[in-house]
Amino acid sequence: GIKDSMIANLESLKEQGAQIIIASF
């Protein structure tokens, strides 16, 4: 159930210009 908010956070990082994204779970 956390998937959608996780994807939204990924999109936010891309919008902020992140060139490398590291996701911790």
PDBML (XML) file of the C-alpha atoms, coordinates in Angstrom:
<?xml version="1.0" encoding="UTF-8" ?>
<PDBx:datablock datablockName="MODEL"
   xmlns:PDBx="http://pdbml.pdb.org/schema/pdbx-v50.xsd"
   xmlns:xsi="http://www.w3.org/2001/XMLSchema-instance"
   xsi:schemaLocation="http://pdbml.pdb.org/schema/pdbx-v50.xsd pdbx-v50.xsd">
   <PDBx:atom_siteCategory>
      <PDBx:atom_site id="1">
         <PDBx:B_iso_or_equiv>0.00</PDBx:B_iso_or_equiv>
         <PDBx:Cartn_x>0.000</PDBx:Cartn_x>
         <PDBx:Cartn_y>0.000</PDBx:Cartn_y>
         <PDBx:Cartn_z>0.000</PDBx:Cartn_z>
         <PDBx:auth_asym_id>A</PDBx:auth_asym_id>
         <PDBx:auth_atom_id>CA</PDBx:auth_atom_id>
         <PDBx:auth_comp_id>GLY</PDBx:auth_comp_id>
         <PDBx:auth_seq_id>1</PDBx:auth_seq_id>
         <PDBx:group_PDB>ATOM</PDBx:group_PDB>
         <PDBx:label_alt_id xsi:nil="true" />
         <PDBx:label_asym_id>A</PDBx:label_asym_id>
         <PDBx:label_atom_id>CA</PDBx:label_atom_id>
         <PDBx:label_comp_id>GLY</PDBx:label_comp_id>
         <PDBx:label_entity_id>1</PDBx:label_entity_id>
         <PDBx:label_seq_id>1</PDBx:label_seq_id>
         <PDBx:occupancy>1.00</PDBx:occupancy>
         <PDBx:pdbx_PDB_model_num>1</PDBx:pdbx_PDB_model_num>
         <PDBx:type_symbol>C</PDBx:type_symbol>
      </PDBx:atom_site>
      <PDBx:atom_site id="2">
         <PDBx:B_iso_or_equiv>0.00</PDBx:B_iso_or_equiv>
         <PDBx:Cartn_x>3.018</PDBx:Cartn_x>
         <PDBx:Cartn_y>2.284</PDBx:Cartn_y>
         <PDBx:Cartn_z>0.246</PDBx:Cartn_z>
         <PDBx:auth_asym_id>A</PDBx:auth_asym_id>
         <PDBx:auth_atom_id>CA</PDBx:auth_atom_id>
         <PDBx:auth_comp_id>ILE</PDBx:auth_comp_id>
         <PDBx:auth_seq_id>2</PDBx:auth_seq_id>
         <PDBx:group_PDB>ATOM</PDBx:group_PDB>
         <PDBx:label_alt_id xsi:nil="true" />
         <PDBx:label_asym_id>A</PDBx:label_asym_id>
         <PDBx:label_atom_id>CA</PDBx:label_atom_id>
         <PDBx:label_comp_id>ILE</PDBx:label_comp_id>
         <PDBx:label_entity_id>1</PDBx:label_entity_id>
         <PDBx:label_seq_id>2</PDBx:label_seq_id>
         <PDBx:occupancy>1.00</PDBx:occupancy>
         <PDBx:pdbx_PDB_model_num>1</PDBx:pdbx_PDB_model_num>
         <PDBx:type_symbol>C</PDBx:type_symbol>
      </PDBx:atom_site>
      <PDBx:atom_site id="3">
         <PDBx:B_iso_or_equiv>0.00</PDBx:B_iso_or_equiv>
         <PDBx:Cartn_x>3.866</PDBx:Cartn_x>
         <PDBx:Cartn_y>1.894</PDBx:Cartn_y>
         <PDBx:Cartn_z>-3.449</PDBx:Cartn_z>
         <PDBx:auth_asym_id>A</PDBx:auth_asym_id>
         <PDBx:auth_atom_id>CA</PDBx:auth_atom_id>
         <PDBx:auth_comp_id>LYS</PDBx:auth_comp_id>
         <PDBx:auth_seq_id>3</PDBx:auth_seq_id>
         <PDBx:group_PDB>ATOM</PDBx:group_PDB>
         <PDBx:label_alt_id xsi:nil="true" />
         <PDBx:label_asym_id>A</PDBx:label_asym_id>
         <PDBx:label_atom_id>CA</PDBx:label_atom_id>
         <PDBx:label_comp_id>LYS</PDBx:label_comp_id>
         <PDBx:label_entity_id>1</PDBx:label_entity_id>
         <PDBx:label_seq_id>3</PDBx:label_seq_id>
         <PDBx:occupancy>1.00</PDBx:occupancy>
         <PDBx:pdbx_PDB_model_num>1</PDBx:pdbx_PDB_model_num>
         <PDBx:type_symbol>C</PDBx:type_symbol>
      </PDBx:atom_site>
      <PDBx:atom_site id="4">
         <PDBx:B_iso_or_equiv>0.00</PDBx:B_iso_or_equiv>
         <PDBx:Cartn_x>2.005</PDBx:Cartn_x>
         <PDBx:Cartn_y>4.943</PDBx:Cartn_y>
         <PDBx:Cartn_z>-4.765</PDBx:Cartn_z>
         <PDBx:auth_asym_id>A</PDBx:auth_asym_id>
         <PDBx:auth_atom_id>CA</PDBx:auth_atom_id>
         <PDBx:auth_comp_id>ASP</PDBx:auth_comp_id>
         <PDBx:auth_seq_id>4</PDBx:auth_seq_id>
         <PDBx:group_PDB>ATOM</PDBx:group_PDB>
         <PDBx:label_alt_id xsi:nil="true" />
         <PDBx:label_asym_id>A</PDBx:label_asym_id>
         <PDBx:label_atom_id>CA</PDBx:label_atom_id>
         <PDBx:label_comp_id>ASP</PDBx:label_comp_id>
         <PDBx:label_entity_id>1</PDBx:label_entity_id>
         <PDBx:label_seq_id>4</PDBx:label_seq_id>
         <PDBx:occupancy>1.00</PDBx:occupancy>
         <PDBx:pdbx_PDB_model_num>1</PDBx:pdbx_PDB_model_num>
         <PDBx:type_symbol>C</PDBx:type_symbol>
      </PDBx:atom_site>
      <PDBx:atom_site id="5">
         <PDBx:B_iso_or_equiv>0.00</PDBx:B_iso_or_equiv>
         <PDBx:Cartn_x>3.521</PDBx:Cartn_x>
         <PDBx:Cartn_y>7.357</PDBx:Cartn_y>
         <PDBx:Cartn_z>-2.246</PDBx:Cartn_z>
         <PDBx:auth_asym_id>A</PDBx:auth_asym_id>
         <PDBx:auth_atom_id>CA</PDBx:auth_atom_id>
         <PDBx:auth_comp_id>SER</PDBx:auth_comp_id>
         <PDBx:auth_seq_id>5</PDBx:auth_seq_id>
         <PDBx:group_PDB>ATOM</PDBx:group_PDB>
         <PDBx:label_alt_id xsi:nil="true" />
         <PDBx:label_asym_id>A</PDBx:label_asym_id>
         <PDBx:label_atom_id>CA</PDBx:label_atom_id>
         <PDBx:label_comp_id>SER</PDBx:label_comp_id>
         <PDBx:label_entity_id>1</PDBx:label_entity_id>
         <PDBx:label_seq_id>5</PDBx:label_seq_id>
         <PDBx:occupancy>1.00</PDBx:occupancy>
         <PDBx:pdbx_PDB_model_num>1</PDBx:pdbx_PDB_model_num>
         <PDBx:type_symbol>C</PDBx:type_symbol>
      </PDBx:atom_site>
      <PDBx:atom_site id="6">
         <PDBx:B_iso_or_equiv>0.00</PDBx:B_iso_or_equiv>
         <PDBx:Cartn_x>6.956</PDBx:Cartn_x>
         <PDBx:Cartn_y>5.868</PDBx:Cartn_y>
         <PDBx:Cartn_z>-2.908</PDBx:Cartn_z>
         <PDBx:auth_asym_id>A</PDBx:auth_asym_id>
         <PDBx:auth_atom_id>CA</PDBx:auth_atom_id>
         <PDBx:auth_comp_id>MET</PDBx:auth_comp_id>
         <PDBx:auth_seq_id>6</PDBx:auth_seq_id>
         <PDBx:group_PDB>ATOM</PDBx:group_PDB>
         <PDBx:label_alt_id xsi:nil="true" />
         <PDBx:label_asym_id>A</PDBx:label_asym_id>
         <PDBx:label_atom_id>CA</PDBx:label_atom_id>
         <PDBx:label_comp_id>MET</PDBx:label_comp_id>
         <PDBx:label_entity_id>1</PDBx:label_entity_id>
         <PDBx:label_seq_id>6</PDBx:label_seq_id>
         <PDBx:occupancy>1.00</PDBx:occupancy>
         <PDBx:pdbx_PDB_model_num>1</PDBx:pdbx_PDB_model_num>
         <PDBx:type_symbol>C</PDBx:type_symbol>
      </PDBx:atom_site>
      <PDBx:atom_site id="7">
         <PDBx:B_iso_or_equiv>0.00</PDBx:B_iso_or_equiv>
         <PDBx:Cartn_x>6.555</PDBx:Cartn_x>
         <PDBx:Cartn_y>6.476</PDBx:Cartn_y>
         <PDBx:Cartn_z>-6.656</PDBx:Cartn_z>
         <PDBx:auth_asym_id>A</PDBx:auth_asym_id>
         <PDBx:auth_atom_id>CA</PDBx:auth_atom_id>
         <PDBx:auth_comp_id>ILE</PDBx:auth_comp_id>
         <PDBx:auth_seq_id>7</PDBx:auth_seq_id>
         <PDBx:group_PDB>ATOM</PDBx:group_PDB>
         <PDBx:label_alt_id xsi:nil="true" />
         <PDBx:label_asym_id>A</PDBx:label_asym_id>
         <PDBx:label_atom_id>CA</PDBx:label_atom_id>
         <PDBx:label_comp_id>ILE</PDBx:label_comp_id>
         <PDBx:label_entity_id>1</PDBx:label_entity_id>
         <PDBx:label_seq_id>7</PDBx:label_seq_id>
         <PDBx:occupancy>1.00</PDBx:occupancy>
         <PDBx:pdbx_PDB_model_num>1</PDBx:pdbx_PDB_model_num>
         <PDBx:type_symbol>C</PDBx:type_symbol>
      </PDBx:atom_site>
      <PDBx:atom_site id="8">
         <PDBx:B_iso_or_equiv>0.00</PDBx:B_iso_or_equiv>
         <PDBx:Cartn_x>5.323</PDBx:Cartn_x>
         <PDBx:Cartn_y>10.007</PDBx:Cartn_y>
         <PDBx:Cartn_z>-5.960</PDBx:Cartn_z>
         <PDBx:auth_asym_id>A</PDBx:auth_asym_id>
         <PDBx:auth_atom_id>CA</PDBx:auth_atom_id>
         <PDBx:auth_comp_id>ALA</PDBx:auth_comp_id>
         <PDBx:auth_seq_id>8</PDBx:auth_seq_id>
         <PDBx:group_PDB>ATOM</PDBx:group_PDB>
         <PDBx:label_alt_id xsi:nil="true" />
         <PDBx:label_asym_id>A</PDBx:label_asym_id>
         <PDBx:label_atom_id>CA</PDBx:label_atom_id>
         <PDBx:label_comp_id>ALA</PDBx:label_comp_id>
         <PDBx:label_entity_id>1</PDBx:label_entity_id>
         <PDBx:label_seq_id>8</PDBx:label_seq_id>
         <PDBx:occupancy>1.00</PDBx:occupancy>
         <PDBx:pdbx_PDB_model_num>1</PDBx:pdbx_PDB_model_num>
         <PDBx:type_symbol>C</PDBx:type_symbol>
      </PDBx:atom_site>
      <PDBx:atom_site id="9">
         <PDBx:B_iso_or_equiv>0.00</PDBx:B_iso_or_equiv>
         <PDBx:Cartn_x>8.493</PDBx:Cartn_x>
         <PDBx:Cartn_y>10.653</PDBx:Cartn_y>
         <PDBx:Cartn_z>-3.944</PDBx:Cartn_z>
         <PDBx:auth_asym_id>A</PDBx:auth_asym_id>
         <PDBx:auth_atom_id>CA</PDBx:auth_atom_id>
         <PDBx:auth_comp_id>ASN</PDBx:auth_comp_id>
         <PDBx:auth_seq_id>9</PDBx:auth_seq_id>
         <PDBx:group_PDB>ATOM</PDBx:group_PDB>
         <PDBx:label_alt_id xsi:nil="true" />
         <PDBx:label_asym_id>A</PDBx:label_asym_id>
         <PDBx:label_atom_id>CA</PDBx:label_atom_id>
         <PDBx:label_comp_id>ASN</PDBx:label_comp_id>
         <PDBx:label_entity_id>1</PDBx:label_entity_id>
         <PDBx:label_seq_id>9</PDBx:label_seq_id>
         <PDBx:occupancy>1.00</PDBx:occupancy>
         <PDBx:pdbx_PDB_model_num>1</PDBx:pdbx_PDB_model_num>
         <PDBx:type_symbol>C</PDBx:type_symbol>
      </PDBx:atom_site>
      <PDBx:atom_site id="10">
         <PDBx:B_iso_or_equiv>0.00</PDBx:B_iso_or_equiv>
         <PDBx:Cartn_x>10.617</PDBx:Cartn_x>
         <PDBx:Cartn_y>9.375</PDBx:Cartn_y>
         <PDBx:Cartn_z>-6.807</PDBx:Cartn_z>
         <PDBx:auth_asym_id>A</PDBx:auth_asym_id>
         <PDBx:auth_atom_id>CA</PDBx:auth_atom_id>
         <PDBx:auth_comp_id>LEU</PDBx:auth_comp_id>
         <PDBx:auth_seq_id>10</PDBx:auth_seq_id>
         <PDBx:group_PDB>ATOM</PDBx:group_PDB>
         <PDBx:label_alt_id xsi:nil="true" />
         <PDBx:label_asym_id>A</PDBx:label_asym_id>
         <PDBx:label_atom_id>CA</PDBx:label_atom_id>
         <PDBx:label_comp_id>LEU</PDBx:label_comp_id>
         <PDBx:label_entity_id>1</PDBx:label_entity_id>
         <PDBx:label_seq_id>10</PDBx:label_seq_id>
         <PDBx:occupancy>1.00</PDBx:occupancy>
         <PDBx:pdbx_PDB_model_num>1</PDBx:pdbx_PDB_model_num>
         <PDBx:type_symbol>C</PDBx:type_symbol>
      </PDBx:atom_site>
      <PDBx:atom_site id="11">
         <PDBx:B_iso_or_equiv>0.00</PDBx:B_iso_or_equiv>
         <PDBx:Cartn_x>8.858</PDBx:Cartn_x>
         <PDBx:Cartn_y>11.783</PDBx:Cartn_y>
         <PDBx:Cartn_z>-9.157</PDBx:Cartn_z>
         <PDBx:auth_asym_id>A</PDBx:auth_asym_id>
         <PDBx:auth_atom_id>CA</PDBx:auth_atom_id>
         <PDBx:auth_comp_id>GLU</PDBx:auth_comp_id>
         <PDBx:auth_seq_id>11</PDBx:auth_seq_id>
         <PDBx:group_PDB>ATOM</PDBx:group_PDB>
         <PDBx:label_alt_id xsi:nil="true" />
         <PDBx:label_asym_id>A</PDBx:label_asym_id>
         <PDBx:label_atom_id>CA</PDBx:label_atom_id>
         <PDBx:label_comp_id>GLU</PDBx:label_comp_id>
         <PDBx:label_entity_id>1</PDBx:label_entity_id>
         <PDBx:label_seq_id>11</PDBx:label_seq_id>
         <PDBx:occupancy>1.00</PDBx:occupancy>
         <PDBx:pdbx_PDB_model_num>1</PDBx:pdbx_PDB_model_num>
         <PDBx:type_symbol>C</PDBx:type_symbol>
      </PDBx:atom_site>
      <PDBx:atom_site id="12">
         <PDBx:B_iso_or_equiv>0.00</PDBx:B_iso_or_equiv>
         <PDBx:Cartn_x>9.465</PDBx:Cartn_x>
         <PDBx:Cartn_y>14.631</PDBx:Cartn_y>
         <PDBx:Cartn_z>-6.735</PDBx:Cartn_z>
         <PDBx:auth_asym_id>A</PDBx:auth_asym_id>
         <PDBx:auth_atom_id>CA</PDBx:auth_atom_id>
         <PDBx:auth_comp_id>SER</PDBx:auth_comp_id>
         <PDBx:auth_seq_id>12</PDBx:auth_seq_id>
         <PDBx:group_PDB>ATOM</PDBx:group_PDB>
         <PDBx:label_alt_id xsi:nil="true" />
         <PDBx:label_asym_id>A</PDBx:label_asym_id>
         <PDBx:label_atom_id>CA</PDBx:label_atom_id>
         <PDBx:label_comp_id>SER</PDBx:label_comp_id>
         <PDBx:label_entity_id>1</PDBx:label_entity_id>
         <PDBx:label_seq_id>12</PDBx:label_seq_id>
         <PDBx:occupancy>1.00</PDBx:occupancy>
         <PDBx:pdbx_PDB_model_num>1</PDBx:pdbx_PDB_model_num>
         <PDBx:type_symbol>C</PDBx:type_symbol>
      </PDBx:atom_site>
      <PDBx:atom_site id="13">
         <PDBx:B_iso_or_equiv>0.00</PDBx:B_iso_or_equiv>
         <PDBx:Cartn_x>13.190</PDBx:Cartn_x>
         <PDBx:Cartn_y>13.898</PDBx:Cartn_y>
         <PDBx:Cartn_z>-6.661</PDBx:Cartn_z>
         <PDBx:auth_asym_id>A</PDBx:auth_asym_id>
         <PDBx:auth_atom_id>CA</PDBx:auth_atom_id>
         <PDBx:auth_comp_id>LEU</PDBx:auth_comp_id>
         <PDBx:auth_seq_id>13</PDBx:auth_seq_id>
         <PDBx:group_PDB>ATOM</PDBx:group_PDB>
         <PDBx:label_alt_id xsi:nil="true" />
         <PDBx:label_asym_id>A</PDBx:label_asym_id>
         <PDBx:label_atom_id>CA</PDBx:label_atom_id>
         <PDBx:label_comp_id>LEU</PDBx:label_comp_id>
         <PDBx:label_entity_id>1</PDBx:label_entity_id>
         <PDBx:label_seq_id>13</PDBx:label_seq_id>
         <PDBx:occupancy>1.00</PDBx:occupancy>
         <PDBx:pdbx_PDB_model_num>1</PDBx:pdbx_PDB_model_num>
         <PDBx:type_symbol>C</PDBx:type_symbol>
      </PDBx:atom_site>
      <PDBx:atom_site id="14">
         <PDBx:B_iso_or_equiv>0.00</PDBx:B_iso_or_equiv>
         <PDBx:Cartn_x>13.328</PDBx:Cartn_x>
         <PDBx:Cartn_y>13.865</PDBx:Cartn_y>
         <PDBx:Cartn_z>-10.453</PDBx:Cartn_z>
         <PDBx:auth_asym_id>A</PDBx:auth_asym_id>
         <PDBx:auth_atom_id>CA</PDBx:auth_atom_id>
         <PDBx:auth_comp_id>LYS</PDBx:auth_comp_id>
         <PDBx:auth_seq_id>14</PDBx:auth_seq_id>
         <PDBx:group_PDB>ATOM</PDBx:group_PDB>
         <PDBx:label_alt_id xsi:nil="true" />
         <PDBx:label_asym_id>A</PDBx:label_asym_id>
         <PDBx:label_atom_id>CA</PDBx:label_atom_id>
         <PDBx:label_comp_id>LYS</PDBx:label_comp_id>
         <PDBx:label_entity_id>1</PDBx:label_entity_id>
         <PDBx:label_seq_id>14</PDBx:label_seq_id>
         <PDBx:occupancy>1.00</PDBx:occupancy>
         <PDBx:pdbx_PDB_model_num>1</PDBx:pdbx_PDB_model_num>
         <PDBx:type_symbol>C</PDBx:type_symbol>
      </PDBx:atom_site>
      <PDBx:atom_site id="15">
         <PDBx:B_iso_or_equiv>0.00</PDBx:B_iso_or_equiv>
         <PDBx:Cartn_x>11.516</PDBx:Cartn_x>
         <PDBx:Cartn_y>17.201</PDBx:Cartn_y>
         <PDBx:Cartn_z>-10.544</PDBx:Cartn_z>
         <PDBx:auth_asym_id>A</PDBx:auth_asym_id>
         <PDBx:auth_atom_id>CA</PDBx:auth_atom_id>
         <PDBx:auth_comp_id>GLU</PDBx:auth_comp_id>
         <PDBx:auth_seq_id>15</PDBx:auth_seq_id>
         <PDBx:group_PDB>ATOM</PDBx:group_PDB>
         <PDBx:label_alt_id xsi:nil="true" />
         <PDBx:label_asym_id>A</PDBx:label_asym_id>
         <PDBx:label_atom_id>CA</PDBx:label_atom_id>
         <PDBx:label_comp_id>GLU</PDBx:label_comp_id>
         <PDBx:label_entity_id>1</PDBx:label_entity_id>
         <PDBx:label_seq_id>15</PDBx:label_seq_id>
         <PDBx:occupancy>1.00</PDBx:occupancy>
         <PDBx:pdbx_PDB_model_num>1</PDBx:pdbx_PDB_model_num>
         <PDBx:type_symbol>C</PDBx:type_symbol>
      </PDBx:atom_site>
      <PDBx:atom_site id="16">
         <PDBx:B_iso_or_equiv>0.00</PDBx:B_iso_or_equiv>
         <PDBx:Cartn_x>14.153</PDBx:Cartn_x>
         <PDBx:Cartn_y>18.565</PDBx:Cartn_y>
         <PDBx:Cartn_z>-8.170</PDBx:Cartn_z>
         <PDBx:auth_asym_id>A</PDBx:auth_asym_id>
         <PDBx:auth_atom_id>CA</PDBx:auth_atom_id>
         <PDBx:auth_comp_id>GLN</PDBx:auth_comp_id>
         <PDBx:auth_seq_id>16</PDBx:auth_seq_id>
         <PDBx:group_PDB>ATOM</PDBx:group_PDB>
         <PDBx:label_alt_id xsi:nil="true" />
         <PDBx:label_asym_id>A</PDBx:label_asym_id>
         <PDBx:label_atom_id>CA</PDBx:label_atom_id>
         <PDBx:label_comp_id>GLN</PDBx:label_comp_id>
         <PDBx:label_entity_id>1</PDBx:label_entity_id>
         <PDBx:label_seq_id>16</PDBx:label_seq_id>
         <PDBx:occupancy>1.00</PDBx:occupancy>
         <PDBx:pdbx_PDB_model_num>1</PDBx:pdbx_PDB_model_num>
         <PDBx:type_symbol>C</PDBx:type_symbol>
      </PDBx:atom_site>
      <PDBx:atom_site id="17">
         <PDBx:B_iso_or_equiv>0.00</PDBx:B_iso_or_equiv>
         <PDBx:Cartn_x>16.819</PDBx:Cartn_x>
         <PDBx:Cartn_y>17.621</PDBx:Cartn_y>
         <PDBx:Cartn_z>-10.690</PDBx:Cartn_z>
         <PDBx:auth_asym_id>A</PDBx:auth_asym_id>
         <PDBx:auth_atom_id>CA</PDBx:auth_atom_id>
         <PDBx:auth_comp_id>GLY</PDBx:auth_comp_id>
         <PDBx:auth_seq_id>17</PDBx:auth_seq_id>
         <PDBx:group_PDB>ATOM</PDBx:group_PDB>
         <PDBx:label_alt_id xsi:nil="true" />
         <PDBx:label_asym_id>A</PDBx:label_asym_id>
         <PDBx:label_atom_id>CA</PDBx:label_atom_id>
         <PDBx:label_comp_id>GLY</PDBx:label_comp_id>
         <PDBx:label_entity_id>1</PDBx:label_entity_id>
         <PDBx:label_seq_id>17</PDBx:label_seq_id>
         <PDBx:occupancy>1.00</PDBx:occupancy>
         <PDBx:pdbx_PDB_model_num>1</PDBx:pdbx_PDB_model_num>
         <PDBx:type_symbol>C</PDBx:type_symbol>
      </PDBx:atom_site>
      <PDBx:atom_site id="18">
         <PDBx:B_iso_or_equiv>0.00</PDBx:B_iso_or_equiv>
         <PDBx:Cartn_x>18.252</PDBx:Cartn_x>
         <PDBx:Cartn_y>14.520</PDBx:Cartn_y>
         <PDBx:Cartn_z>-9.023</PDBx:Cartn_z>
         <PDBx:auth_asym_id>A</PDBx:auth_asym_id>
         <PDBx:auth_atom_id>CA</PDBx:auth_atom_id>
         <PDBx:auth_comp_id>ALA</PDBx:auth_comp_id>
         <PDBx:auth_seq_id>18</PDBx:auth_seq_id>
         <PDBx:group_PDB>ATOM</PDBx:group_PDB>
         <PDBx:label_alt_id xsi:nil="true" />
         <PDBx:label_asym_id>A</PDBx:label_asym_id>
         <PDBx:label_atom_id>CA</PDBx:label_atom_id>
         <PDBx:label_comp_id>ALA</PDBx:label_comp_id>
         <PDBx:label_entity_id>1</PDBx:label_entity_id>
         <PDBx:label_seq_id>18</PDBx:label_seq_id>
         <PDBx:occupancy>1.00</PDBx:occupancy>
         <PDBx:pdbx_PDB_model_num>1</PDBx:pdbx_PDB_model_num>
         <PDBx:type_symbol>C</PDBx:type_symbol>
      </PDBx:atom_site>
      <PDBx:atom_site id="19">
         <PDBx:B_iso_or_equiv>0.00</PDBx:B_iso_or_equiv>
         <PDBx:Cartn_x>20.666</PDBx:Cartn_x>
         <PDBx:Cartn_y>12.811</PDBx:Cartn_y>
         <PDBx:Cartn_z>-11.420</PDBx:Cartn_z>
         <PDBx:auth_asym_id>A</PDBx:auth_asym_id>
         <PDBx:auth_atom_id>CA</PDBx:auth_atom_id>
         <PDBx:auth_comp_id>GLN</PDBx:auth_comp_id>
         <PDBx:auth_seq_id>19</PDBx:auth_seq_id>
         <PDBx:group_PDB>ATOM</PDBx:group_PDB>
         <PDBx:label_alt_id xsi:nil="true" />
         <PDBx:label_asym_id>A</PDBx:label_asym_id>
         <PDBx:label_atom_id>CA</PDBx:label_atom_id>
         <PDBx:label_comp_id>GLN</PDBx:label_comp_id>
         <PDBx:label_entity_id>1</PDBx:label_entity_id>
         <PDBx:label_seq_id>19</PDBx:label_seq_id>
         <PDBx:occupancy>1.00</PDBx:occupancy>
         <PDBx:pdbx_PDB_model_num>1</PDBx:pdbx_PDB_model_num>
         <PDBx:type_symbol>C</PDBx:type_symbol>
      </PDBx:atom_site>
      <PDBx:atom_site id="20">
         <PDBx:B_iso_or_equiv>0.00</PDBx:B_iso_or_equiv>
         <PDBx:Cartn_x>21.211</PDBx:Cartn_x>
         <PDBx:Cartn_y>9.774</PDBx:Cartn_y>
         <PDBx:Cartn_z>-9.187</PDBx:Cartn_z>
         <PDBx:auth_asym_id>A</PDBx:auth_asym_id>
         <PDBx:auth_atom_id>CA</PDBx:auth_atom_id>
         <PDBx:auth_comp_id>ILE</PDBx:auth_comp_id>
         <PDBx:auth_seq_id>20</PDBx:auth_seq_id>
         <PDBx:group_PDB>ATOM</PDBx:group_PDB>
         <PDBx:label_alt_id xsi:nil="true" />
         <PDBx:label_asym_id>A</PDBx:label_asym_id>
         <PDBx:label_atom_id>CA</PDBx:label_atom_id>
         <PDBx:label_comp_id>ILE</PDBx:label_comp_id>
         <PDBx:label_entity_id>1</PDBx:label_entity_id>
         <PDBx:label_seq_id>20</PDBx:label_seq_id>
         <PDBx:occupancy>1.00</PDBx:occupancy>
         <PDBx:pdbx_PDB_model_num>1</PDBx:pdbx_PDB_model_num>
         <PDBx:type_symbol>C</PDBx:type_symbol>
      </PDBx:atom_site>
      <PDBx:atom_site id="21">
         <PDBx:B_iso_or_equiv>0.00</PDBx:B_iso_or_equiv>
         <PDBx:Cartn_x>18.419</PDBx:Cartn_x>
         <PDBx:Cartn_y>8.424</PDBx:Cartn_y>
         <PDBx:Cartn_z>-6.973</PDBx:Cartn_z>
         <PDBx:auth_asym_id>A</PDBx:auth_asym_id>
         <PDBx:auth_atom_id>CA</PDBx:auth_atom_id>
         <PDBx:auth_comp_id>ILE</PDBx:auth_comp_id>
         <PDBx:auth_seq_id>21</PDBx:auth_seq_id>
         <PDBx:group_PDB>ATOM</PDBx:group_PDB>
         <PDBx:label_alt_id xsi:nil="true" />
         <PDBx:label_asym_id>A</PDBx:label_asym_id>
         <PDBx:label_atom_id>CA</PDBx:label_atom_id>
         <PDBx:label_comp_id>ILE</PDBx:label_comp_id>
         <PDBx:label_entity_id>1</PDBx:label_entity_id>
         <PDBx:label_seq_id>21</PDBx:label_seq_id>
         <PDBx:occupancy>1.00</PDBx:occupancy>
         <PDBx:pdbx_PDB_model_num>1</PDBx:pdbx_PDB_model_num>
         <PDBx:type_symbol>C</PDBx:type_symbol>
      </PDBx:atom_site>
      <PDBx:atom_site id="22">
         <PDBx:B_iso_or_equiv>0.00</PDBx:B_iso_or_equiv>
         <PDBx:Cartn_x>19.020</PDBx:Cartn_x>
         <PDBx:Cartn_y>6.034</PDBx:Cartn_y>
         <PDBx:Cartn_z>-4.089</PDBx:Cartn_z>
         <PDBx:auth_asym_id>A</PDBx:auth_asym_id>
         <PDBx:auth_atom_id>CA</PDBx:auth_atom_id>
         <PDBx:auth_comp_id>ILE</PDBx:auth_comp_id>
         <PDBx:auth_seq_id>22</PDBx:auth_seq_id>
         <PDBx:group_PDB>ATOM</PDBx:group_PDB>
         <PDBx:label_alt_id xsi:nil="true" />
         <PDBx:label_asym_id>A</PDBx:label_asym_id>
         <PDBx:label_atom_id>CA</PDBx:label_atom_id>
         <PDBx:label_comp_id>ILE</PDBx:label_comp_id>
         <PDBx:label_entity_id>1</PDBx:label_entity_id>
         <PDBx:label_seq_id>22</PDBx:label_seq_id>
         <PDBx:occupancy>1.00</PDBx:occupancy>
         <PDBx:pdbx_PDB_model_num>1</PDBx:pdbx_PDB_model_num>
         <PDBx:type_symbol>C</PDBx:type_symbol>
      </PDBx:atom_site>
      <PDBx:atom_site id="23">
         <PDBx:B_iso_or_equiv>0.00</PDBx:B_iso_or_equiv>
         <PDBx:Cartn_x>15.957</PDBx:Cartn_x>
         <PDBx:Cartn_y>4.451</PDBx:Cartn_y>
         <PDBx:Cartn_z>-2.483</PDBx:Cartn_z>
         <PDBx:auth_asym_id>A</PDBx:auth_asym_id>
         <PDBx:auth_atom_id>CA</PDBx:auth_atom_id>
         <PDBx:auth_comp_id>ALA</PDBx:auth_comp_id>
         <PDBx:auth_seq_id>23</PDBx:auth_seq_id>
         <PDBx:group_PDB>ATOM</PDBx:group_PDB>
         <PDBx:label_alt_id xsi:nil="true" />
         <PDBx:label_asym_id>A</PDBx:label_asym_id>
         <PDBx:label_atom_id>CA</PDBx:label_atom_id>
         <PDBx:label_comp_id>ALA</PDBx:label_comp_id>
         <PDBx:label_entity_id>1</PDBx:label_entity_id>
         <PDBx:label_seq_id>23</PDBx:label_seq_id>
         <PDBx:occupancy>1.00</PDBx:occupancy>
         <PDBx:pdbx_PDB_model_num>1</PDBx:pdbx_PDB_model_num>
         <PDBx:type_symbol>C</PDBx:type_symbol>
      </PDBx:atom_site>
      <PDBx:atom_site id="24">
         <PDBx:B_iso_or_equiv>0.00</PDBx:B_iso_or_equiv>
         <PDBx:Cartn_x>16.113</PDBx:Cartn_x>
         <PDBx:Cartn_y>2.933</PDBx:Cartn_y>
         <PDBx:Cartn_z>0.997</PDBx:Cartn_z>
         <PDBx:auth_asym_id>A</PDBx:auth_asym_id>
         <PDBx:auth_atom_id>CA</PDBx:auth_atom_id>
         <PDBx:auth_comp_id>SER</PDBx:auth_comp_id>
         <PDBx:auth_seq_id>24</PDBx:auth_seq_id>
         <PDBx:group_PDB>ATOM</PDBx:group_PDB>
         <PDBx:label_alt_id xsi:nil="true" />
         <PDBx:label_asym_id>A</PDBx:label_asym_id>
         <PDBx:label_atom_id>CA</PDBx:label_atom_id>
         <PDBx:label_comp_id>SER</PDBx:label_comp_id>
         <PDBx:label_entity_id>1</PDBx:label_entity_id>
         <PDBx:label_seq_id>24</PDBx:label_seq_id>
         <PDBx:occupancy>1.00</PDBx:occupancy>
         <PDBx:pdbx_PDB_model_num>1</PDBx:pdbx_PDB_model_num>
         <PDBx:type_symbol>C</PDBx:type_symbol>
      </PDBx:atom_site>
      <PDBx:atom_site id="25">
         <PDBx:B_iso_or_equiv>0.00</PDBx:B_iso_or_equiv>
         <PDBx:Cartn_x>13.426</PDBx:Cartn_x>
         <PDBx:Cartn_y>0.530</PDBx:Cartn_y>
         <PDBx:Cartn_z>2.266</PDBx:Cartn_z>
         <PDBx:auth_asym_id>A</PDBx:auth_asym_id>
         <PDBx:auth_atom_id>CA</PDBx:auth_atom_id>
         <PDBx:auth_comp_id>PHE</PDBx:auth_comp_id>
         <PDBx:auth_seq_id>25</PDBx:auth_seq_id>
         <PDBx:group_PDB>ATOM</PDBx:group_PDB>
         <PDBx:label_alt_id xsi:nil="true" />
         <PDBx:label_asym_id>A</PDBx:label_asym_id>
         <PDBx:label_atom_id>CA</PDBx:label_atom_id>
         <PDBx:label_comp_id>PHE</PDBx:label_comp_id>
         <PDBx:label_entity_id>1</PDBx:label_entity_id>
         <PDBx:label_seq_id>25</PDBx:label_seq_id>
         <PDBx:occupancy>1.00</PDBx:occupancy>
         <PDBx:pdbx_PDB_model_num>1</PDBx:pdbx_PDB_model_num>
         <PDBx:type_symbol>C</PDBx:type_symbol>
      </PDBx:atom_site>
   </PDBx:atom_siteCategory>
</PDBx:datablock>
